PDB file of all heavy atoms in Angstrom:
ATOM      1  N   LYS A   1       0.858  -1.149   0.027  1.00  0.00           N
ATOM      2  CA  LYS A   1       0.082  -0.008  -0.012  1.00  0.00           C
ATOM      3  C   LYS A   1       0.904   1.292   0.075  1.00  0.00           C
ATOM      4  O   LYS A   1       1.525   1.604   1.010  1.00  0.00           O
ATOM      5  CB  LYS A   1      -0.840  -0.031   1.274  1.00  0.00           C
ATOM      6  CG  LYS A   1      -2.041  -0.990   1.184  1.00  0.00           C
ATOM      7  CD  LYS A   1      -2.981  -0.865   2.338  1.00  0.00           C
ATOM      8  CE  LYS A   1      -3.743   0.432   2.256  1.00  0.00           C
ATOM      9  NZ  LYS A   1      -4.852   0.588   3.445  1.00  0.00           N
ATOM     10  N   SER A   2       0.857   1.963  -1.119  1.00  0.00           N
ATOM     11  CA  SER A   2       1.677   3.197  -1.220  1.00  0.00           C
ATOM     12  C   SER A   2       0.817   4.487  -0.958  1.00  0.00           C
ATOM     13  O   SER A   2       1.439   5.542  -0.805  1.00  0.00           O
ATOM     14  CB  SER A   2       2.382   3.332  -2.495  1.00  0.00           C
ATOM     15  OG  SER A   2       1.424   3.355  -3.589  1.00  0.00           O
ATOM     16  N   SER A   3      -0.522   4.258  -0.782  1.00  0.00           N
ATOM     17  CA  SER A   3      -1.372   5.311  -0.516  1.00  0.00           C
ATOM     18  C   SER A   3      -2.599   4.737   0.129  1.00  0.00           C
ATOM     19  O   SER A   3      -2.940   3.518   0.022  1.00  0.00           O
ATOM     20  CB  SER A   3      -1.765   6.184  -1.700  1.00  0.00           C
ATOM     21  OG  SER A   3      -2.437   5.446  -2.630  1.00  0.00           O
ATOM     22  N   PRO A   4      -3.470   5.494   0.810  1.00  0.00           N
ATOM     23  CA  PRO A   4      -4.606   4.973   1.557  1.00  0.00           C
ATOM     24  C   PRO A   4      -5.609   4.288   0.648  1.00  0.00           C
ATOM     25  O   PRO A   4      -5.716   4.627  -0.451  1.00  0.00           O
ATOM     26  CB  PRO A   4      -5.224   6.169   2.268  1.00  0.00           C
ATOM     27  CG  PRO A   4      -4.130   7.213   2.402  1.00  0.00           C
ATOM     28  CD  PRO A   4      -3.284   6.928   1.041  1.00  0.00           C
ATOM     29  N   ARG A   5      -6.247   3.273   1.158  1.00  0.00           N
ATOM     30  CA  ARG A   5      -7.416   2.620   0.468  1.00  0.00           C
ATOM     31  C   ARG A   5      -6.955   1.895  -0.763  1.00  0.00           C
ATOM     32  O   ARG A   5      -7.775   1.772  -1.765  1.00  0.00           O
ATOM     33  CB  ARG A   5      -8.500   3.581   0.267  1.00  0.00           C
ATOM     34  CG  ARG A   5      -9.226   4.061   1.538  1.00  0.00           C
ATOM     35  CD  ARG A   5     -10.206   5.257   1.258  1.00  0.00           C
ATOM     36  NE  ARG A   5      -9.499   6.427   0.716  1.00  0.00           N
ATOM     37  CZ  ARG A   5      -8.877   7.331   1.435  1.00  0.00           C
ATOM     38  NH1 ARG A   5      -8.685   7.118   2.736  1.00  0.00           N
ATOM     39  NH2 ARG A   5      -8.339   8.322   0.803  1.00  0.00           N
ATOM     40  N   GLU A   6      -5.758   1.422  -0.794  1.00  0.00           N
ATOM     41  CA  GLU A   6      -5.258   0.687  -2.010  1.00  0.00           C
ATOM     42  C   GLU A   6      -5.311  -0.855  -1.560  1.00  0.00           C
ATOM     43  O   GLU A   6      -5.138  -1.297  -0.540  1.00  0.00           O
ATOM     44  CB  GLU A   6      -3.809   1.062  -2.353  1.00  0.00           C
ATOM     45  CG  GLU A   6      -3.700   2.267  -3.139  1.00  0.00           C
ATOM     46  CD  GLU A   6      -2.278   2.508  -3.632  1.00  0.00           C
ATOM     47  OE1 GLU A   6      -1.416   1.870  -3.129  1.00  0.00           O
ATOM     48  OE2 GLU A   6      -2.115   3.303  -4.657  1.00  0.00           O
ATOM     49  N   PRO A   7      -5.484  -1.660  -2.622  1.00  0.00           N
ATOM     50  CA  PRO A   7      -5.377  -3.182  -2.388  1.00  0.00           C
ATOM     51  C   PRO A   7      -3.962  -3.754  -2.513  1.00  0.00           C
ATOM     52  O   PRO A   7      -3.120  -2.979  -2.895  1.00  0.00           O
ATOM     53  CB  PRO A   7      -6.227  -3.794  -3.557  1.00  0.00           C
ATOM     54  CG  PRO A   7      -5.900  -2.745  -4.723  1.00  0.00           C
ATOM     55  CD  PRO A   7      -5.813  -1.452  -4.101  1.00  0.00           C
ATOM     56  N   ILE A   8      -3.741  -4.780  -1.894  1.00  0.00           N
ATOM     57  CA  ILE A   8      -2.408  -5.484  -2.094  1.00  0.00           C
ATOM     58  C   ILE A   8      -2.753  -6.716  -2.895  1.00  0.00           C
ATOM     59  O   ILE A   8      -2.943  -7.894  -2.445  1.00  0.00           O
ATOM     60  CB  ILE A   8      -1.842  -5.887  -0.801  1.00  0.00           C
ATOM     61  CG1 ILE A   8      -1.683  -4.606   0.166  1.00  0.00           C
ATOM     62  CG2 ILE A   8      -0.393  -6.560  -1.043  1.00  0.00           C
ATOM     63  CD1 ILE A   8      -1.011  -4.855   1.518  1.00  0.00           C
ATOM     64  N   THR A   9      -2.880  -6.554  -4.288  1.00  0.00           N
ATOM     65  CA  THR A   9      -3.422  -7.462  -5.135  1.00  0.00           C
ATOM     66  C   THR A   9      -2.544  -8.692  -5.285  1.00  0.00           C
ATOM     67  O   THR A   9      -2.941  -9.859  -5.571  1.00  0.00           O
ATOM     68  CB  THR A   9      -3.748  -6.908  -6.472  1.00  0.00           C
ATOM     69  OG1 THR A   9      -4.392  -5.597  -6.279  1.00  0.00           O
ATOM     70  CG2 THR A   9      -4.733  -7.791  -7.228  1.00  0.00           C
ATOM     71  N   ALA A  10      -1.191  -8.499  -5.148  1.00  0.00           N
ATOM     72  CA  ALA A  10      -0.264  -9.638  -5.214  1.00  0.00           C
ATOM     73  C   ALA A  10      -0.510 -10.644  -4.116  1.00  0.00           C
ATOM     74  O   ALA A  10      -0.396 -11.834  -4.301  1.00  0.00           O
ATOM     75  CB  ALA A  10       1.200  -9.144  -5.141  1.00  0.00           C
ATOM     76  N   LYS A  11      -0.969 -10.184  -3.006  1.00  0.00           N
ATOM     77  CA  LYS A  11      -1.319 -11.113  -1.908  1.00  0.00           C
ATOM     78  C   LYS A  11      -2.716 -11.743  -2.114  1.00  0.00           C
ATOM     79  O   LYS A  11      -2.838 -12.997  -1.901  1.00  0.00           O
ATOM     80  CB  LYS A  11      -1.405 -10.219  -0.578  1.00  0.00           C
ATOM     81  CG  LYS A  11      -2.090 -10.988   0.614  1.00  0.00           C
ATOM     82  CD  LYS A  11      -1.340 -12.291   0.923  1.00  0.00           C
ATOM     83  CE  LYS A  11      -2.041 -12.888   2.250  1.00  0.00           C
ATOM     84  NZ  LYS A  11      -1.505 -14.213   2.495  1.00  0.00           N
ATOM     85  N   LEU A  12      -3.615 -11.013  -2.793  1.00  0.00           N
ATOM     86  CA  LEU A  12      -4.882 -11.624  -3.135  1.00  0.00           C
ATOM     87  C   LEU A  12      -4.693 -12.694  -4.135  1.00  0.00           C
ATOM     88  O   LEU A  12      -5.271 -13.923  -4.012  1.00  0.00           O
ATOM     89  CB  LEU A  12      -5.785 -10.557  -3.859  1.00  0.00           C
ATOM     90  CG  LEU A  12      -7.063 -11.072  -4.394  1.00  0.00           C
ATOM     91  CD1 LEU A  12      -7.961 -11.724  -3.369  1.00  0.00           C
ATOM     92  CD2 LEU A  12      -7.857  -9.950  -5.108  1.00  0.00           C
ATOM     93  N   VAL A  13      -3.796 -12.539  -5.138  1.00  0.00           N
ATOM     94  CA  VAL A  13      -3.453 -13.674  -6.146  1.00  0.00           C
ATOM     95  C   VAL A  13      -2.872 -14.878  -5.394  1.00  0.00           C
ATOM     96  O   VAL A  13      -3.192 -16.095  -5.755  1.00  0.00           O
ATOM     97  CB  VAL A  13      -2.559 -13.076  -7.187  1.00  0.00           C
ATOM     98  CG1 VAL A  13      -2.096 -14.234  -8.076  1.00  0.00           C
ATOM     99  CG2 VAL A  13      -3.329 -12.021  -8.083  1.00  0.00           C
ATOM    100  N   ALA A  14      -1.971 -14.614  -4.468  1.00  0.00           N
ATOM    101  CA  ALA A  14      -1.451 -15.628  -3.748  1.00  0.00           C
ATOM    102  C   ALA A  14      -2.526 -16.580  -2.983  1.00  0.00           C
ATOM    103  O   ALA A  14      -2.487 -17.728  -2.964  1.00  0.00           O
ATOM    104  CB  ALA A  14      -0.359 -15.208  -2.687  1.00  0.00           C
ATOM    105  N   ASN A  15      -3.470 -15.837  -2.386  1.00  0.00           N
ATOM    106  CA  ASN A  15      -4.583 -16.557  -1.622  1.00  0.00           C
ATOM    107  C   ASN A  15      -5.408 -17.329  -2.625  1.00  0.00           C
ATOM    108  O   ASN A  15      -5.832 -18.396  -2.365  1.00  0.00           O
ATOM    109  CB  ASN A  15      -5.440 -15.498  -0.937  1.00  0.00           C
ATOM    110  CG  ASN A  15      -4.807 -14.876   0.290  1.00  0.00           C
ATOM    111  OD1 ASN A  15      -3.787 -15.373   0.770  1.00  0.00           O
ATOM    112  ND2 ASN A  15      -5.342 -13.691   0.688  1.00  0.00           N
ATOM    113  N   LEU A  16      -5.733 -16.765  -3.888  1.00  0.00           N
ATOM    114  CA  LEU A  16      -6.470 -17.455  -4.804  1.00  0.00           C
ATOM    115  C   LEU A  16      -5.773 -18.736  -5.279  1.00  0.00           C
ATOM    116  O   LEU A  16      -6.451 -19.760  -5.348  1.00  0.00           O
ATOM    117  CB  LEU A  16      -6.754 -16.515  -6.033  1.00  0.00           C
ATOM    118  CG  LEU A  16      -7.643 -15.358  -5.818  1.00  0.00           C
ATOM    119  CD1 LEU A  16      -7.549 -14.374  -7.005  1.00  0.00           C
ATOM    120  CD2 LEU A  16      -9.015 -15.823  -5.496  1.00  0.00           C
ATOM    121  N   LEU A  17      -4.502 -18.693  -5.562  1.00  0.00           N
ATOM    122  CA  LEU A  17      -3.802 -19.829  -6.019  1.00  0.00           C
ATOM    123  C   LEU A  17      -3.737 -20.943  -4.951  1.00  0.00           C
ATOM    124  O   LEU A  17      -3.980 -22.151  -5.227  1.00  0.00           O
ATOM    125  CB  LEU A  17      -2.368 -19.534  -6.437  1.00  0.00           C
ATOM    126  CG  LEU A  17      -2.210 -18.598  -7.643  1.00  0.00           C
ATOM    127  CD1 LEU A  17      -0.728 -18.058  -7.752  1.00  0.00           C
ATOM    128  CD2 LEU A  17      -2.548 -19.427  -8.899  1.00  0.00           C
ATOM    129  N   THR A  18      -3.550 -20.558  -3.705  1.00  0.00           N
ATOM    130  CA  THR A  18      -3.582 -21.454  -2.560  1.00  0.00           C
ATOM    131  C   THR A  18      -4.879 -22.081  -2.383  1.00  0.00           C
ATOM    132  O   THR A  18      -5.002 -23.267  -2.188  1.00  0.00           O
ATOM    133  CB  THR A  18      -2.964 -20.834  -1.343  1.00  0.00           C
ATOM    134  OG1 THR A  18      -1.733 -20.235  -1.649  1.00  0.00           O
ATOM    135  CG2 THR A  18      -2.885 -21.788  -0.218  1.00  0.00           C
ATOM    136  N   THR A  19      -5.936 -21.249  -2.338  1.00  0.00           N
ATOM    137  CA  THR A  19      -7.273 -21.795  -2.045  1.00  0.00           C
ATOM    138  C   THR A  19      -7.734 -22.692  -3.243  1.00  0.00           C
ATOM    139  O   THR A  19      -8.427 -23.576  -2.950  1.00  0.00           O
ATOM    140  CB  THR A  19      -8.207 -20.633  -1.915  1.00  0.00           C
ATOM    141  OG1 THR A  19      -7.790 -19.747  -0.860  1.00  0.00           O
ATOM    142  CG2 THR A  19      -9.655 -21.118  -1.652  1.00  0.00           C
ATOM    143  N   ALA A  20      -7.367 -22.362  -4.418  1.00  0.00           N
ATOM    144  CA  ALA A  20      -7.736 -23.260  -5.524  1.00  0.00           C
ATOM    145  C   ALA A  20      -7.158 -24.644  -5.464  1.00  0.00           C
ATOM    146  O   ALA A  20      -7.781 -25.611  -5.874  1.00  0.00           O
ATOM    147  CB  ALA A  20      -7.255 -22.578  -6.856  1.00  0.00           C
ATOM    148  N   GLY A  21      -6.064 -24.721  -4.788  1.00  0.00           N
ATOM    149  CA  GLY A  21      -5.365 -26.118  -4.544  1.00  0.00           C
ATOM    150  C   GLY A  21      -4.020 -26.253  -4.963  1.00  0.00           C
ATOM    151  O   GLY A  21      -3.507 -27.395  -4.945  1.00  0.00           O
ATOM    152  N   ALA A  22      -3.316 -25.195  -5.254  1.00  0.00           N
ATOM    153  CA  ALA A  22      -1.891 -25.311  -5.590  1.00  0.00           C
ATOM    154  C   ALA A  22      -1.052 -25.831  -4.404  1.00  0.00           C
ATOM    155  O   ALA A  22      -1.283 -25.302  -3.346  1.00  0.00           O
ATOM    156  CB  ALA A  22      -1.322 -24.003  -6.146  1.00  0.00           C
ATOM    157  N   ASN A  23      -0.186 -26.694  -4.644  1.00  0.00           N
ATOM    158  CA  ASN A  23       0.722 -27.129  -3.510  1.00  0.00           C
ATOM    159  C   ASN A  23       2.209 -26.414  -3.494  1.00  0.00           C
ATOM    160  O   ASN A  23       2.862 -26.543  -2.444  1.00  0.00           O
ATOM    161  CB  ASN A  23       0.980 -28.690  -3.620  1.00  0.00           C
ATOM    162  CG  ASN A  23      -0.357 -29.539  -3.557  1.00  0.00           C
ATOM    163  OD1 ASN A  23      -0.739 -30.036  -4.505  1.00  0.00           O
ATOM    164  ND2 ASN A  23      -0.960 -29.403  -2.390  1.00  0.00           N
ATOM    165  N   ARG A  24       2.495 -25.919  -4.652  1.00  0.00           N
ATOM    166  CA  ARG A  24       3.813 -25.241  -4.808  1.00  0.00           C
ATOM    167  C   ARG A  24       3.731 -24.328  -5.901  1.00  0.00           C
ATOM    168  O   ARG A  24       3.005 -24.547  -7.005  1.00  0.00           O
ATOM    169  CB  ARG A  24       4.877 -26.343  -5.061  1.00  0.00           C
ATOM    170  CG  ARG A  24       6.295 -25.721  -5.357  1.00  0.00           C
ATOM    171  CD  ARG A  24       7.319 -26.816  -5.778  1.00  0.00           C
ATOM    172  NE  ARG A  24       7.535 -27.768  -4.757  1.00  0.00           N
ATOM    173  CZ  ARG A  24       8.432 -27.645  -3.855  1.00  0.00           C
ATOM    174  NH1 ARG A  24       9.271 -26.574  -3.848  1.00  0.00           N
ATOM    175  NH2 ARG A  24       8.499 -28.571  -2.934  1.00  0.00           N
ATOM    176  N   VAL A  25       4.488 -23.129  -5.850  1.00  0.00           N
ATOM    177  CA  VAL A  25       4.542 -22.236  -6.955  1.00  0.00           C
ATOM    178  C   VAL A  25       6.006 -22.000  -7.331  1.00  0.00           C
ATOM    179  O   VAL A  25       6.796 -21.939  -6.451  1.00  0.00           O
ATOM    180  CB  VAL A  25       3.954 -20.755  -6.492  1.00  0.00           C
ATOM    181  CG1 VAL A  25       4.349 -19.771  -7.464  1.00  0.00           C
ATOM    182  CG2 VAL A  25       2.450 -20.922  -6.381  1.00  0.00           C
ATOM    183  N   VAL A  26       6.302 -22.092  -8.607  1.00  0.00           N
ATOM    184  CA  VAL A  26       7.659 -21.797  -9.157  1.00  0.00           C
ATOM    185  C   VAL A  26       7.468 -20.626 -10.016  1.00  0.00           C
ATOM    186  O   VAL A  26       6.827 -20.643 -11.020  1.00  0.00           O
ATOM    187  CB  VAL A  26       8.155 -22.982  -9.944  1.00  0.00           C
ATOM    188  CG1 VAL A  26       9.593 -22.754 -10.433  1.00  0.00           C
ATOM    189  CG2 VAL A  26       8.119 -24.347  -9.166  1.00  0.00           C
ATOM    190  N   THR A  27       8.246 -19.579  -9.710  1.00  0.00           N
ATOM    191  CA  THR A  27       8.126 -18.335 -10.437  1.00  0.00           C
ATOM    192  C   THR A  27       9.498 -17.799 -10.672  1.00  0.00           C
ATOM    193  O   THR A  27      10.445 -18.449 -10.262  1.00  0.00           O
ATOM    194  CB  THR A  27       7.190 -17.333  -9.708  1.00  0.00           C
ATOM    195  OG1 THR A  27       7.015 -16.204 -10.486  1.00  0.00           O
ATOM    196  CG2 THR A  27       7.833 -16.903  -8.370  1.00  0.00           C
ATOM    197  N   MET A  28       9.519 -16.670 -11.434  1.00  0.00           N
ATOM    198  CA  MET A  28      10.834 -16.149 -11.742  1.00  0.00           C
ATOM    199  C   MET A  28      10.929 -14.573 -11.690  1.00  0.00           C
ATOM    200  O   MET A  28       9.969 -13.918 -12.091  1.00  0.00           O
ATOM    201  CB  MET A  28      11.230 -16.585 -13.138  1.00  0.00           C
ATOM    202  CG  MET A  28      12.657 -16.095 -13.704  1.00  0.00           C
ATOM    203  SD  MET A  28      13.009 -16.612 -15.360  1.00  0.00           S
ATOM    204  CE  MET A  28      12.079 -15.426 -16.246  1.00  0.00           C
ATOM    205  N   ASP A  29      11.922 -14.059 -10.957  1.00  0.00           N
ATOM    206  CA  ASP A  29      12.092 -12.583 -10.903  1.00  0.00           C
ATOM    207  C   ASP A  29      10.774 -11.871 -10.599  1.00  0.00           C
ATOM    208  O   ASP A  29      10.371 -11.118 -11.395  1.00  0.00           O
ATOM    209  CB  ASP A  29      12.726 -12.177 -12.225  1.00  0.00           C
ATOM    210  CG  ASP A  29      14.308 -12.565 -12.366  1.00  0.00           C
ATOM    211  OD1 ASP A  29      14.813 -12.816 -11.309  1.00  0.00           O
ATOM    212  OD2 ASP A  29      14.731 -12.803 -13.500  1.00  0.00           O
ATOM    213  N   LEU A  30      10.348 -12.074  -9.378  1.00  0.00           N
ATOM    214  CA  LEU A  30       9.208 -11.298  -8.856  1.00  0.00           C
ATOM    215  C   LEU A  30       9.528  -9.832  -8.815  1.00  0.00           C
ATOM    216  O   LEU A  30      10.755  -9.462  -8.529  1.00  0.00           O
ATOM    217  CB  LEU A  30       8.864 -11.850  -7.448  1.00  0.00           C
ATOM    218  CG  LEU A  30       8.167 -13.207  -7.423  1.00  0.00           C
ATOM    219  CD1 LEU A  30       8.164 -13.746  -5.949  1.00  0.00           C
ATOM    220  CD2 LEU A  30       6.842 -13.196  -7.921  1.00  0.00           C
ATOM    221  N   HIS A  31       8.583  -8.956  -9.018  1.00  0.00           N
ATOM    222  CA  HIS A  31       8.832  -7.518  -8.877  1.00  0.00           C
ATOM    223  C   HIS A  31       9.378  -7.174  -7.519  1.00  0.00           C
ATOM    224  O   HIS A  31      10.028  -6.163  -7.408  1.00  0.00           O
ATOM    225  CB  HIS A  31       7.506  -6.777  -9.245  1.00  0.00           C
ATOM    226  CG  HIS A  31       7.687  -5.261  -9.299  1.00  0.00           C
ATOM    227  ND1 HIS A  31       8.400  -4.695 -10.208  1.00  0.00           N
ATOM    228  CD2 HIS A  31       7.173  -4.327  -8.377  1.00  0.00           C
ATOM    229  CE1 HIS A  31       8.355  -3.417 -10.030  1.00  0.00           C
ATOM    230  NE2 HIS A  31       7.588  -3.187  -8.902  1.00  0.00           N
ATOM    231  N   ALA A  32       8.951  -7.896  -6.469  1.00  0.00           N
ATOM    232  CA  ALA A  32       9.390  -7.709  -5.087  1.00  0.00           C
ATOM    233  C   ALA A  32       9.571  -9.000  -4.462  1.00  0.00           C
ATOM    234  O   ALA A  32       8.639  -9.964  -4.470  1.00  0.00           O
ATOM    235  CB  ALA A  32       8.336  -6.863  -4.375  1.00  0.00           C
ATOM    236  N   ASP A  33      10.737  -9.231  -3.807  1.00  0.00           N
ATOM    237  CA  ASP A  33      10.978 -10.489  -3.243  1.00  0.00           C
ATOM    238  C   ASP A  33      10.082 -10.969  -2.130  1.00  0.00           C
ATOM    239  O   ASP A  33       9.759 -12.132  -2.000  1.00  0.00           O
ATOM    240  CB  ASP A  33      12.491 -10.552  -2.631  1.00  0.00           C
ATOM    241  CG  ASP A  33      13.477 -10.538  -3.775  1.00  0.00           C
ATOM    242  OD1 ASP A  33      13.145 -10.757  -4.925  1.00  0.00           O
ATOM    243  OD2 ASP A  33      14.666 -10.397  -3.512  1.00  0.00           O
ATOM    244  N   GLN A  34       9.454  -9.936  -1.505  1.00  0.00           N
ATOM    245  CA  GLN A  34       8.589 -10.287  -0.376  1.00  0.00           C
ATOM    246  C   GLN A  34       7.346 -10.937  -0.729  1.00  0.00           C
ATOM    247  O   GLN A  34       6.561 -11.435   0.158  1.00  0.00           O
ATOM    248  CB  GLN A  34       8.321  -8.888   0.533  1.00  0.00           C
ATOM    249  CG  GLN A  34       7.454  -7.992  -0.237  1.00  0.00           C
ATOM    250  CD  GLN A  34       8.339  -6.920  -0.870  1.00  0.00           C
ATOM    251  OE1 GLN A  34       9.448  -7.100  -1.202  1.00  0.00           O
ATOM    252  NE2 GLN A  34       7.739  -5.666  -1.037  1.00  0.00           N
ATOM    253  N   ILE A  35       6.990 -10.972  -2.026  1.00  0.00           N
ATOM    254  CA  ILE A  35       5.797 -11.641  -2.396  1.00  0.00           C
ATOM    255  C   ILE A  35       5.878 -13.092  -2.011  1.00  0.00           C
ATOM    256  O   ILE A  35       4.832 -13.836  -1.873  1.00  0.00           O
ATOM    257  CB  ILE A  35       5.536 -11.489  -3.960  1.00  0.00           C
ATOM    258  CG1 ILE A  35       5.316 -10.058  -4.223  1.00  0.00           C
ATOM    259  CG2 ILE A  35       4.498 -12.439  -4.479  1.00  0.00           C
ATOM    260  CD1 ILE A  35       5.184  -9.689  -5.697  1.00  0.00           C
ATOM    261  N   GLN A  36       7.045 -13.787  -1.930  1.00  0.00           N
ATOM    262  CA  GLN A  36       7.183 -15.039  -1.569  1.00  0.00           C
ATOM    263  C   GLN A  36       6.477 -15.274  -0.183  1.00  0.00           C
ATOM    264  O   GLN A  36       6.069 -16.397   0.038  1.00  0.00           O
ATOM    265  CB  GLN A  36       8.662 -15.444  -1.458  1.00  0.00           C
ATOM    266  CG  GLN A  36       9.437 -15.384  -2.732  1.00  0.00           C
ATOM    267  CD  GLN A  36      10.928 -15.580  -2.557  1.00  0.00           C
ATOM    268  OE1 GLN A  36      11.408 -16.713  -2.406  1.00  0.00           O
ATOM    269  NE2 GLN A  36      11.622 -14.470  -2.463  1.00  0.00           N
ATOM    270  N   GLY A  37       6.538 -14.247   0.681  1.00  0.00           N
ATOM    271  CA  GLY A  37       6.008 -14.385   1.989  1.00  0.00           C
ATOM    272  C   GLY A  37       4.513 -14.373   1.963  1.00  0.00           C
ATOM    273  O   GLY A  37       3.884 -14.538   3.080  1.00  0.00           O
ATOM    274  N   PHE A  38       3.920 -13.962   0.867  1.00  0.00           N
ATOM    275  CA  PHE A  38       2.402 -13.938   0.732  1.00  0.00           C
ATOM    276  C   PHE A  38       1.809 -15.327   0.700  1.00  0.00           C
ATOM    277  O   PHE A  38       0.625 -15.489   0.879  1.00  0.00           O
ATOM    278  CB  PHE A  38       1.994 -13.169  -0.413  1.00  0.00           C
ATOM    279  CG  PHE A  38       2.279 -11.673  -0.416  1.00  0.00           C
ATOM    280  CD1 PHE A  38       2.132 -10.953  -1.549  1.00  0.00           C
ATOM    281  CD2 PHE A  38       2.784 -11.001   0.727  1.00  0.00           C
ATOM    282  CE1 PHE A  38       2.469  -9.519  -1.529  1.00  0.00           C
ATOM    283  CE2 PHE A  38       3.068  -9.694   0.769  1.00  0.00           C
ATOM    284  CZ  PHE A  38       2.878  -8.920  -0.441  1.00  0.00           C
ATOM    285  N   PHE A  39       2.686 -16.364   0.529  1.00  0.00           N
ATOM    286  CA  PHE A  39       2.260 -17.762   0.334  1.00  0.00           C
ATOM    287  C   PHE A  39       2.429 -18.503   1.595  1.00  0.00           C
ATOM    288  O   PHE A  39       3.473 -18.325   2.281  1.00  0.00           O
ATOM    289  CB  PHE A  39       2.907 -18.418  -0.860  1.00  0.00           C
ATOM    290  CG  PHE A  39       2.548 -17.936  -2.196  1.00  0.00           C
ATOM    291  CD1 PHE A  39       3.181 -16.838  -2.766  1.00  0.00           C
ATOM    292  CD2 PHE A  39       1.512 -18.581  -2.881  1.00  0.00           C
ATOM    293  CE1 PHE A  39       2.835 -16.501  -4.081  1.00  0.00           C
ATOM    294  CE2 PHE A  39       1.239 -18.091  -4.208  1.00  0.00           C
ATOM    295  CZ  PHE A  39       1.764 -16.999  -4.693  1.00  0.00           C
ATOM    296  N   ASP A  40       1.495 -19.444   1.865  1.00  0.00           N
ATOM    297  CA  ASP A  40       1.735 -20.349   2.960  1.00  0.00           C
ATOM    298  C   ASP A  40       2.139 -21.737   2.431  1.00  0.00           C
ATOM    299  O   ASP A  40       1.984 -22.827   3.128  1.00  0.00           O
ATOM    300  CB  ASP A  40       0.436 -20.535   3.842  1.00  0.00           C
ATOM    301  CG  ASP A  40       0.282 -19.311   4.637  1.00  0.00           C
ATOM    302  OD1 ASP A  40       1.276 -18.544   5.019  1.00  0.00           O
ATOM    303  OD2 ASP A  40      -0.936 -18.782   4.759  1.00  0.00           O
ATOM    304  N   ILE A  41       2.473 -21.832   1.107  1.00  0.00           N
ATOM    305  CA  ILE A  41       2.943 -23.052   0.477  1.00  0.00           C
ATOM    306  C   ILE A  41       4.284 -22.768  -0.060  1.00  0.00           C
ATOM    307  O   ILE A  41       4.704 -21.661  -0.213  1.00  0.00           O
ATOM    308  CB  ILE A  41       2.000 -23.438  -0.719  1.00  0.00           C
ATOM    309  CG1 ILE A  41       1.934 -22.335  -1.758  1.00  0.00           C
ATOM    310  CG2 ILE A  41       0.642 -23.873  -0.191  1.00  0.00           C
ATOM    311  CD1 ILE A  41       1.023 -22.733  -2.930  1.00  0.00           C
ATOM    312  N   PRO A  42       5.142 -23.843  -0.375  1.00  0.00           N
ATOM    313  CA  PRO A  42       6.485 -23.555  -0.859  1.00  0.00           C
ATOM    314  C   PRO A  42       6.476 -22.749  -2.184  1.00  0.00           C
ATOM    315  O   PRO A  42       5.669 -22.932  -3.075  1.00  0.00           O
ATOM    316  CB  PRO A  42       7.024 -24.982  -1.115  1.00  0.00           C
ATOM    317  CG  PRO A  42       6.166 -25.823  -0.262  1.00  0.00           C
ATOM    318  CD  PRO A  42       4.942 -25.317  -0.214  1.00  0.00           C
ATOM    319  N   VAL A  43       7.504 -21.802  -2.258  1.00  0.00           N
ATOM    320  CA  VAL A  43       7.628 -20.961  -3.494  1.00  0.00           C
ATOM    321  C   VAL A  43       9.114 -21.083  -3.862  1.00  0.00           C
ATOM    322  O   VAL A  43      10.035 -20.745  -3.138  1.00  0.00           O
ATOM    323  CB  VAL A  43       7.325 -19.454  -3.190  1.00  0.00           C
ATOM    324  CG1 VAL A  43       7.602 -18.595  -4.380  1.00  0.00           C
ATOM    325  CG2 VAL A  43       5.792 -19.369  -2.764  1.00  0.00           C
ATOM    326  N   ASP A  44       9.468 -21.425  -5.063  1.00  0.00           N
ATOM    327  CA  ASP A  44      10.704 -21.497  -5.528  1.00  0.00           C
ATOM    328  C   ASP A  44      10.872 -20.308  -6.556  1.00  0.00           C
ATOM    329  O   ASP A  44      10.116 -20.109  -7.541  1.00  0.00           O
ATOM    330  CB  ASP A  44      10.915 -22.785  -6.390  1.00  0.00           C
ATOM    331  CG  ASP A  44      11.118 -24.030  -5.496  1.00  0.00           C
ATOM    332  OD1 ASP A  44      11.864 -24.012  -4.516  1.00  0.00           O
ATOM    333  OD2 ASP A  44      10.296 -24.974  -5.709  1.00  0.00           O
TER     334      ASP A  44
END
């Protein structure tokens, strides 16, 4: 959130993938490294 009342959509996408049933995510060069922490499943 860089200003008030903004979403953190990268976290929302992480929730959607996990809830849908993904067991692991393998991605490359995230815009921000901390996005890995948005997941409660392994991220490579």
